Amino acid sequence: QKAIRSQRAGHFINREEERKTREVCEMLDVNHDGQVSRDELFDGYKILYEGDIEMAKHETEKTMKQIDINKNGTIDYNEFLMANMEKLELLNKEKLRQAFDFFDRDGNGQISLEEMQTVLAFSPQDKLAKLIFIGADLNGDGQVLSLIHI
């Protein structure tokens, strides 16, 4: 399972996101052993929560349960990267949902050619709008379905 998630991480995260993730991981890894210990994570949360010990303890335990896949008591870079990738994947799904909803003017879960023309400000005679629509109408029924509904 770890290998599959690690492979997925490389496909869904761009270089900038990976760089930022590595920087955060390295910042937390105070002793530079390549792993973030429970204590290092706790210290990071203490700073983040401005000394609120209870909140830092709570977040440390929650994070360790969610991210420490191999349950060895530390978070290595791959575990850290995978957790970040999963969060970004959820955010990307939300962005996709918002974009789809923007085109789906009547809220029926489908985008018609007319809705696409309206949003893109194309005239009904515009061939480009029709070509875009045909490419998105996967089953040829004259509607673009949300992949989230499928």
Protein backbone atom coordinates (compact mmCIF):
# COMPACT_ATOMS: atom_id res chain seq x y z
CA GLN A 1 0.00 0.00 0.00
CA LYS A 2 2.82 2.40 0.84
CA ALA A 3 4.52 1.77 -2.52
CA ILE A 4 1.30 2.45 -4.43
CA ARG A 5 0.63 5.66 -2.51
CA SER A 6 4.23 6.76 -2.98
CA GLN A 7 3.97 6.18 -6.75
CA ARG A 8 0.70 8.14 -6.86
CA ALA A 9 2.33 11.03 -5.01
CA GLY A 10 4.81 11.55 -7.82
CA HIS A 11 2.04 11.82 -10.39
CA PHE A 12 -0.22 14.29 -8.61
CA ILE A 13 2.18 16.83 -7.17
CA ASN A 14 4.14 19.37 -9.16
CA ARG A 15 7.78 20.33 -8.56
CA GLU A 16 6.93 23.52 -6.67
CA GLU A 17 4.55 21.70 -4.33
CA GLU A 18 7.17 19.00 -3.80
CA ARG A 19 9.84 21.65 -3.05
CA LYS A 20 7.61 23.32 -0.48
CA THR A 21 6.74 19.98 1.09
CA ARG A 22 10.44 19.07 1.32
CA GLU A 23 11.22 22.44 2.96
CA VAL A 24 8.52 21.95 5.60
CA CYS A 25 9.68 18.40 6.25
CA GLU A 26 13.32 19.52 6.56
CA MET A 27 12.34 22.39 8.83
CA LEU A 28 10.54 20.00 11.18
CA ASP A 29 13.37 17.45 11.03
CA VAL A 30 15.55 19.33 13.53
CA ASN A 31 18.17 16.56 13.95
CA HIS A 32 18.35 16.01 10.14
CA ASP A 33 17.96 12.24 10.29
CA GLY A 34 15.47 12.20 7.41
CA GLN A 35 12.48 11.56 9.63
CA VAL A 36 10.17 13.76 11.68
CA SER A 37 9.80 12.33 15.17
CA ARG A 38 6.76 12.78 17.38
CA ASP A 39 8.74 15.30 19.47
CA GLU A 40 9.86 17.28 16.42
CA LEU A 41 6.30 17.38 15.14
CA PHE A 42 5.05 18.45 18.57
CA ASP A 43 7.62 21.27 18.70
CA GLY A 44 6.47 22.43 15.25
CA TYR A 45 2.85 22.48 16.37
CA LYS A 46 3.78 24.37 19.56
CA ILE A 47 5.20 27.13 17.38
CA LEU A 48 2.24 27.03 15.02
CA TYR A 49 -0.27 27.21 17.89
CA GLU A 50 1.75 29.85 19.74
CA GLY A 51 2.54 27.71 22.77
CA ASP A 52 -0.92 26.10 23.17
CA ILE A 53 0.33 22.78 24.52
CA GLU A 54 -3.04 21.00 24.46
CA MET A 55 -3.72 21.94 20.85
CA ALA A 56 -0.17 20.94 19.88
CA LYS A 57 -0.59 17.54 21.59
CA HIS A 58 -3.94 16.97 19.91
CA GLU A 59 -2.65 17.86 16.44
CA THR A 60 0.52 15.80 16.93
CA GLU A 61 -1.44 12.68 17.81
CA LYS A 62 -3.92 13.23 14.99
CA THR A 63 -1.15 13.80 12.46
CA MET A 64 0.84 10.76 13.58
CA LYS A 65 -2.24 8.54 13.24
CA GLN A 66 -2.98 9.86 9.76
CA ILE A 67 0.50 10.11 8.27
CA ASP A 68 2.73 7.52 9.97
CA ILE A 69 1.72 4.74 7.57
CA ASN A 70 4.26 2.16 8.74
CA LYS A 71 3.54 2.98 12.41
CA ASN A 72 7.21 3.28 13.34
CA GLY A 73 6.67 6.45 15.37
CA THR A 74 8.23 8.80 12.82
CA ILE A 75 7.16 10.42 9.58
CA ASP A 76 9.59 10.02 6.71
CA TYR A 77 9.65 12.26 3.66
CA ASN A 78 7.56 9.87 1.52
CA GLU A 79 4.83 9.69 4.17
CA PHE A 80 4.91 13.48 4.45
CA LEU A 81 4.75 13.87 0.66
CA MET A 82 1.85 11.41 0.33
CA ALA A 83 -0.16 13.21 2.99
CA ASN A 84 0.42 16.52 1.22
CA MET A 85 -0.51 14.98 -2.14
CA GLU A 86 -3.77 13.62 -0.75
CA LYS A 87 -4.66 17.05 0.61
CA LEU A 88 -3.86 18.67 -2.74
CA GLU A 89 -5.88 16.01 -4.56
CA LEU A 90 -8.91 16.88 -2.44
CA LEU A 91 -8.40 20.58 -3.13
CA ASN A 92 -8.11 19.88 -6.85
CA LYS A 93 -11.36 17.91 -6.80
CA GLU A 94 -13.03 20.87 -5.10
CA LYS A 95 -11.67 23.24 -7.76
CA LEU A 96 -12.92 20.89 -10.48
CA ARG A 97 -16.35 20.79 -8.82
CA GLN A 98 -16.44 24.62 -8.66
CA ALA A 99 -15.48 24.94 -12.32
CA PHE A 100 -18.10 22.40 -13.37
CA ASP A 101 -20.76 24.16 -11.28
CA PHE A 102 -19.81 27.46 -12.93
CA PHE A 103 -20.65 26.00 -16.36
CA ASP A 104 -23.70 24.07 -15.10
CA ARG A 105 -25.92 27.16 -14.99
CA ASP A 106 -29.18 25.34 -14.23
CA GLY A 107 -27.60 23.05 -11.60
CA ASN A 108 -28.83 19.79 -13.13
CA GLY A 109 -25.42 18.08 -12.98
CA GLN A 110 -24.87 18.37 -16.73
CA ILE A 111 -23.47 21.02 -19.04
CA SER A 112 -25.37 21.65 -22.26
CA LEU A 113 -23.96 23.24 -25.39
CA GLU A 114 -26.04 26.33 -24.63
CA GLU A 115 -24.58 26.62 -21.12
CA MET A 116 -21.05 26.28 -22.52
CA GLN A 117 -21.75 28.92 -25.17
CA THR A 118 -23.18 31.28 -22.54
CA VAL A 119 -20.23 30.95 -20.16
CA LEU A 120 -17.63 31.19 -22.91
CA ALA A 121 -19.53 34.04 -24.60
CA PHE A 122 -19.73 32.20 -27.92
CA SER A 123 -22.55 32.79 -30.36
CA PRO A 124 -24.74 29.79 -31.26
CA GLN A 125 -23.12 29.82 -34.73
CA ASP A 126 -19.56 29.61 -33.37
CA LYS A 127 -17.94 26.37 -34.52
CA LEU A 128 -15.19 26.48 -31.89
CA ALA A 129 -17.73 26.18 -29.07
CA LYS A 130 -19.28 23.19 -30.79
CA LEU A 131 -15.88 21.52 -31.26
CA ILE A 132 -15.01 22.04 -27.58
CA PHE A 133 -18.38 20.65 -26.58
CA ILE A 134 -18.13 17.61 -28.84
CA GLY A 135 -14.75 16.81 -27.29
CA ALA A 136 -16.24 16.98 -23.79
CA ASP A 137 -19.48 15.11 -24.59
CA LEU A 138 -18.04 11.66 -24.00
CA ASN A 139 -21.16 9.61 -24.69
CA GLY A 140 -22.59 11.80 -27.47
CA ASP A 141 -25.89 12.54 -25.74
CA GLY A 142 -25.59 16.32 -26.01
CA GLN A 143 -24.66 16.78 -22.33
CA VAL A 144 -21.37 16.91 -20.45
CA LEU A 145 -21.73 14.94 -17.24
CA SER A 146 -19.87 15.73 -14.09
CA LEU A 147 -17.28 13.03 -13.44
CA ILE A 148 -18.12 13.44 -9.77
CA HIS A 149 -21.66 12.19 -10.45
CA ILE A 150 -20.49 9.18 -12.45
